[in-house]
Amino acid sequence: MGLMAKTFKLNEYSNYLKCIYIHLLRLRHAPVSVKFVTNTTKECKRTLLERLRRLRFNIEEHEIFTSLTAARNLLEQKMVRPLLLVEDSALEDFMGIETNNPNAVVIGLAPDHFNYQMLNKAFRLILEGAPLIAIHKARYYKRKDGLALGPGPFVNGLEYATDTQAIVVGKPEKTFFLEALRDLNCSPEEAVMIGDDARDDVGGAQNTGMLGILVKTGKYRAGDEGKINPSPHLTCDSFPEAVNYILQHLLEAK
């Protein structure tokens, strides 16, 4: 059985970390493979791993799968030179990729670069035939000061202006979940996704064939469970509650 969970919410509730850590240990001692998946484009994979380890989570690099990794894989497959609209802290994950004279546009969450000049440069490249690659199209995300616009609205704006459809590589795309599962030695039907985003986490996972558990933390808003079809397999108040359900019901059923 495979279990997938989001990574970038783990540092948002300092008084919640110990409880999460304990329940992760419970999963480590169960016949479950764990992988942490994230759409975050704010930082490279190395920084994310170091941050989680500072929070005393025993996580290995191969257990993290990011949308930046998926985007890099696509760039290498297409052999293109991207204009990278991502945060500077994420550029490490694209080291070695040629970016001079760009003939593709890659857009992630990049508040420092979402200005008219850069978006217009991307607009002109796309009009000239450059593919538009969206790391993901999340509508919004959770910051310490509240919800904030994600890259989705900016991707949609470029799509509208250029009459072009973006290639999306992150959640909720099936290819993202299938690639994340590839080294877990289990099929989508044997996997469970835990997340706080009904559309991108739970909806995407369930469209891939996985079970989806929605947790009412982070970016969850009341009524989100009714915004996807099929509805989440389960909606829980917290990550520990989701883990309890998996251990007590899904594993016992096998």
Protein backbone atom coordinates (compact mmCIF):
# COMPACT_ATOMS: atom_id res chain seq x y z
CA MET A 1 0.00 0.00 0.00
CA GLY A 2 1.25 3.51 -0.76
CA LEU A 3 0.52 6.68 1.16
CA MET A 4 1.09 10.14 -0.23
CA ALA A 5 0.87 13.38 1.72
CA LYS A 6 1.64 17.03 1.12
CA THR A 7 4.91 18.39 2.45
CA PHE A 8 4.63 22.13 2.54
CA LYS A 9 1.98 22.31 5.25
CA LEU A 10 4.13 20.56 7.83
CA ASN A 11 5.69 23.73 9.21
CA GLU A 12 2.57 25.83 9.54
CA TYR A 13 1.48 24.72 12.98
CA SER A 14 4.38 24.44 15.42
CA ASN A 15 2.14 23.06 18.18
CA TYR A 16 0.89 20.42 15.76
CA LEU A 17 4.26 19.05 14.63
CA LYS A 18 4.83 16.65 17.49
CA CYS A 19 1.47 15.00 16.88
CA ILE A 20 2.20 14.67 13.16
CA TYR A 21 5.65 13.26 13.91
CA ILE A 22 4.17 10.59 16.18
CA HIS A 23 1.64 9.53 13.54
CA LEU A 24 4.32 9.40 10.86
CA LEU A 25 6.23 7.02 13.10
CA ARG A 26 3.11 4.87 13.31
CA LEU A 27 3.04 4.72 9.52
CA ARG A 28 6.74 3.86 9.41
CA HIS A 29 6.01 0.79 11.53
CA ALA A 30 3.06 -0.29 9.38
CA PRO A 31 3.24 -2.11 6.02
CA VAL A 32 2.92 1.21 4.20
CA SER A 33 5.26 3.03 1.83
CA VAL A 34 5.19 6.80 2.30
CA LYS A 35 5.89 9.55 -0.19
CA PHE A 36 5.53 13.29 0.29
CA VAL A 37 4.29 15.16 -2.76
CA THR A 38 4.08 18.90 -3.25
CA ASN A 39 3.20 21.51 -5.83
CA THR A 40 5.30 24.13 -4.08
CA THR A 41 7.59 26.05 -6.42
CA LYS A 42 8.88 28.48 -3.80
CA GLU A 43 12.02 26.51 -2.99
CA CYS A 44 14.20 23.78 -4.41
CA LYS A 45 13.94 20.18 -3.27
CA ARG A 46 17.18 20.37 -1.26
CA THR A 47 15.95 23.34 0.78
CA LEU A 48 12.61 21.67 1.37
CA LEU A 49 14.29 18.50 2.60
CA GLU A 50 16.61 20.44 4.91
CA ARG A 51 13.69 22.37 6.36
CA LEU A 52 11.75 19.22 7.09
CA ARG A 53 14.77 17.59 8.70
CA ARG A 54 15.26 20.65 10.91
CA LEU A 55 11.73 20.01 12.09
CA ARG A 56 13.02 16.54 13.05
CA PHE A 57 11.15 14.61 10.38
CA ASN A 58 13.07 11.52 9.34
CA ILE A 59 12.64 11.88 5.60
CA GLU A 60 14.86 10.71 2.76
CA GLU A 61 15.26 12.63 -0.49
CA HIS A 62 13.70 9.87 -2.58
CA GLU A 63 10.51 10.14 -0.48
CA ILE A 64 9.83 13.67 -1.77
CA PHE A 65 8.38 14.28 -5.22
CA THR A 66 7.87 17.88 -6.35
CA SER A 67 6.26 19.58 -9.31
CA LEU A 68 9.64 21.22 -10.01
CA THR A 69 11.09 17.75 -10.61
CA ALA A 70 8.21 16.96 -12.96
CA ALA A 71 8.78 20.23 -14.84
CA ARG A 72 12.50 19.59 -15.24
CA ASN A 73 11.80 16.09 -16.57
CA LEU A 74 9.49 17.56 -19.21
CA LEU A 75 12.03 20.21 -20.25
CA GLU A 76 14.67 17.52 -20.74
CA GLN A 77 12.25 15.41 -22.77
CA LYS A 78 11.32 18.34 -25.03
CA MET A 79 14.91 19.65 -25.22
CA VAL A 80 13.80 23.28 -24.95
CA ARG A 81 15.33 26.40 -23.38
CA PRO A 82 12.90 27.86 -20.87
CA LEU A 83 12.11 31.33 -19.67
CA LEU A 84 11.80 30.40 -15.99
CA LEU A 85 9.12 32.35 -14.14
CA VAL A 86 9.89 30.80 -10.77
CA GLU A 87 11.29 32.11 -7.50
CA ASP A 88 15.07 32.44 -7.35
CA SER A 89 15.05 29.93 -4.49
CA ALA A 90 13.71 27.28 -6.89
CA LEU A 91 16.30 27.74 -9.64
CA GLU A 92 18.64 25.12 -8.20
CA ASP A 93 16.30 22.39 -9.41
CA PHE A 94 16.88 23.59 -13.00
CA MET A 95 20.68 23.70 -12.86
CA GLY A 96 22.20 22.48 -16.11
CA ILE A 97 19.14 23.43 -18.18
CA GLU A 98 20.07 25.91 -20.95
CA THR A 99 18.06 29.13 -20.62
CA ASN A 100 19.75 31.47 -23.13
CA ASN A 101 17.57 32.57 -26.03
CA PRO A 102 14.47 30.87 -24.54
CA ASN A 103 11.99 29.02 -26.73
CA ALA A 104 9.63 27.84 -23.98
CA VAL A 105 7.90 29.43 -20.99
CA VAL A 106 7.78 27.76 -17.58
CA ILE A 107 5.61 29.40 -14.97
CA GLY A 108 5.34 28.55 -11.28
CA LEU A 109 4.64 30.62 -8.20
CA ALA A 110 6.86 33.68 -8.69
CA PRO A 111 5.48 36.79 -6.96
CA ASP A 112 8.77 38.65 -7.47
CA HIS A 113 8.58 38.08 -11.23
CA PHE A 114 4.84 38.50 -11.86
CA ASN A 115 5.19 42.00 -13.30
CA TYR A 116 4.08 43.43 -16.63
CA GLN A 117 7.53 43.32 -18.21
CA MET A 118 8.14 39.61 -17.50
CA LEU A 119 4.60 38.51 -18.29
CA ASN A 120 4.70 40.45 -21.55
CA LYS A 121 8.01 38.77 -22.45
CA ALA A 122 6.36 35.40 -21.83
CA PHE A 123 3.35 36.51 -23.87
CA ARG A 124 5.50 37.37 -26.88
CA LEU A 125 7.46 34.12 -26.71
CA ILE A 126 4.23 32.10 -26.66
CA LEU A 127 2.90 34.06 -29.65
CA GLU A 128 6.10 33.05 -31.47
CA GLY A 129 5.33 29.38 -30.84
CA ALA A 130 7.00 28.69 -27.49
CA PRO A 131 5.10 26.10 -25.43
CA LEU A 132 3.56 27.33 -22.18
CA ILE A 133 4.42 24.93 -19.35
CA ALA A 134 2.61 25.45 -16.06
CA ILE A 135 4.23 23.81 -13.07
CA HIS A 136 0.72 23.83 -11.65
CA LYS A 137 -2.46 25.94 -11.83
CA ALA A 138 -3.40 26.27 -8.17
CA ARG A 139 -5.90 29.07 -7.61
CA TYR A 140 -4.48 30.07 -4.26
CA TYR A 141 -2.26 28.88 -1.41
CA LYS A 142 -1.94 29.48 2.32
CA ARG A 143 0.58 31.97 3.76
CA LYS A 144 1.11 33.06 7.34
CA ASP A 145 -0.94 36.20 6.68
CA GLY A 146 -3.77 34.33 4.94
CA LEU A 147 -4.68 33.03 1.48
CA ALA A 148 -2.77 34.37 -1.53
CA LEU A 149 -3.05 34.06 -5.29
CA GLY A 150 -1.38 31.01 -6.79
CA PRO A 151 0.09 30.74 -10.29
CA GLY A 152 -3.20 29.55 -11.80
CA PRO A 153 -4.66 33.01 -12.47
CA PHE A 154 -1.46 34.11 -14.22
CA VAL A 155 -1.33 30.94 -16.32
CA ASN A 156 -4.97 31.44 -17.28
CA GLY A 157 -4.21 35.03 -18.25
CA LEU A 158 -1.44 33.94 -20.61
CA GLU A 159 -3.66 31.21 -22.03
CA TYR A 160 -6.41 33.74 -22.71
CA ALA A 161 -4.09 36.35 -24.21
CA THR A 162 -2.32 33.89 -26.53
CA ASP A 163 -5.22 31.54 -27.28
CA THR A 164 -2.98 28.70 -26.10
CA GLN A 165 -3.48 25.77 -23.73
CA ALA A 166 -0.77 25.29 -21.13
CA ILE A 167 0.90 21.95 -20.48
CA VAL A 168 0.40 21.32 -16.76
CA VAL A 169 2.87 19.04 -14.95
CA GLY A 170 1.93 19.25 -11.26
CA LYS A 171 -1.14 18.23 -9.30
CA PRO A 172 -3.90 17.47 -10.23
CA GLU A 173 -2.48 15.91 -13.42
CA LYS A 174 -2.56 12.11 -13.62
CA THR A 175 1.02 12.00 -14.89
CA PHE A 176 2.20 13.70 -11.69
CA PHE A 177 0.62 11.11 -9.40
CA LEU A 178 1.67 8.18 -11.58
CA GLU A 179 5.29 9.38 -11.64
CA ALA A 180 5.23 9.86 -7.86
CA LEU A 181 3.97 6.28 -7.44
CA ARG A 182 6.43 4.76 -9.88
CA ASP A 183 9.04 3.67 -7.32
CA LEU A 184 6.55 2.69 -4.57
CA ASN A 185 5.80 -0.63 -6.25
CA CYS A 186 2.05 -0.18 -5.98
CA SER A 187 -0.79 0.67 -8.32
CA PRO A 188 -3.01 3.77 -7.93
CA GLU A 189 -5.77 1.49 -6.61
CA GLU A 190 -3.48 0.52 -3.72
CA ALA A 191 -2.58 4.12 -2.80
CA VAL A 192 -4.12 6.82 -0.61
CA MET A 193 -3.61 10.57 -0.89
CA ILE A 194 -3.98 12.85 2.15
CA GLY A 195 -4.26 16.56 1.42
CA ASP A 196 -6.01 19.83 2.22
CA ASP A 197 -6.79 20.84 -1.39
CA ALA A 198 -9.99 19.20 -2.60
CA ARG A 199 -9.33 19.75 -6.30
CA ASP A 200 -5.57 19.41 -6.69
CA ASP A 201 -4.85 16.82 -3.97
CA VAL A 202 -7.96 14.71 -3.55
CA GLY A 203 -9.64 15.23 -6.92
CA GLY A 204 -6.43 14.66 -8.86
CA ALA A 205 -5.56 11.54 -6.89
CA GLN A 206 -9.03 10.04 -7.23
CA ASN A 207 -9.07 10.74 -10.98
CA THR A 208 -5.85 8.70 -11.10
CA GLY A 209 -7.52 5.78 -9.31
CA MET A 210 -6.33 6.45 -5.77
CA LEU A 211 -8.38 6.99 -2.63
CA GLY A 212 -8.45 10.60 -1.47
CA ILE A 213 -8.70 11.82 2.11
CA LEU A 214 -9.39 15.52 2.58
CA VAL A 215 -8.16 17.14 5.81
CA LYS A 216 -9.63 20.35 7.21
CA THR A 217 -6.29 22.10 7.72
CA GLY A 218 -4.19 24.64 5.79
CA LYS A 219 -6.00 25.93 2.73
CA TYR A 220 -9.19 23.93 3.34
CA ARG A 221 -12.36 26.04 3.30
CA ALA A 222 -15.81 25.00 4.47
CA GLY A 223 -17.68 23.17 1.72
CA ASP A 224 -14.61 22.19 -0.32
CA GLU A 225 -15.58 18.51 -0.09
CA GLY A 226 -18.64 19.26 -2.22
CA LYS A 227 -16.65 20.87 -5.03
CA ILE A 228 -15.34 17.66 -6.58
CA ASN A 229 -16.99 14.62 -8.12
CA PRO A 230 -16.60 11.99 -6.89
CA SER A 231 -16.53 13.33 -3.36
CA PRO A 232 -13.52 12.54 -1.14
CA HIS A 233 -13.38 8.99 0.14
CA LEU A 234 -13.20 10.57 3.59
CA THR A 235 -13.03 14.06 5.09
CA CYS A 236 -11.13 14.39 8.39
CA ASP A 237 -10.42 17.20 10.82
CA SER A 238 -6.70 16.46 10.89
CA PHE A 239 -3.80 14.43 9.55
CA PRO A 240 -3.68 12.19 12.67
CA GLU A 241 -7.36 11.36 12.18
CA ALA A 242 -6.63 10.36 8.58
CA VAL A 243 -3.74 8.14 9.69
CA ASN A 244 -5.94 6.47 12.31
CA TYR A 245 -8.51 5.70 9.64
CA ILE A 246 -5.92 4.18 7.31
CA LEU A 247 -4.40 1.99 10.01
CA GLN A 248 -7.70 0.89 11.52
CA HIS A 249 -9.80 0.40 8.40
CA LEU A 250 -7.88 0.28 5.14
CA LEU A 251 -5.01 -1.91 6.33
CA GLU A 252 -7.29 -4.21 8.34
CA ALA A 253 -9.39 -4.70 5.20
CA LYS A 254 -6.43 -6.11 3.29
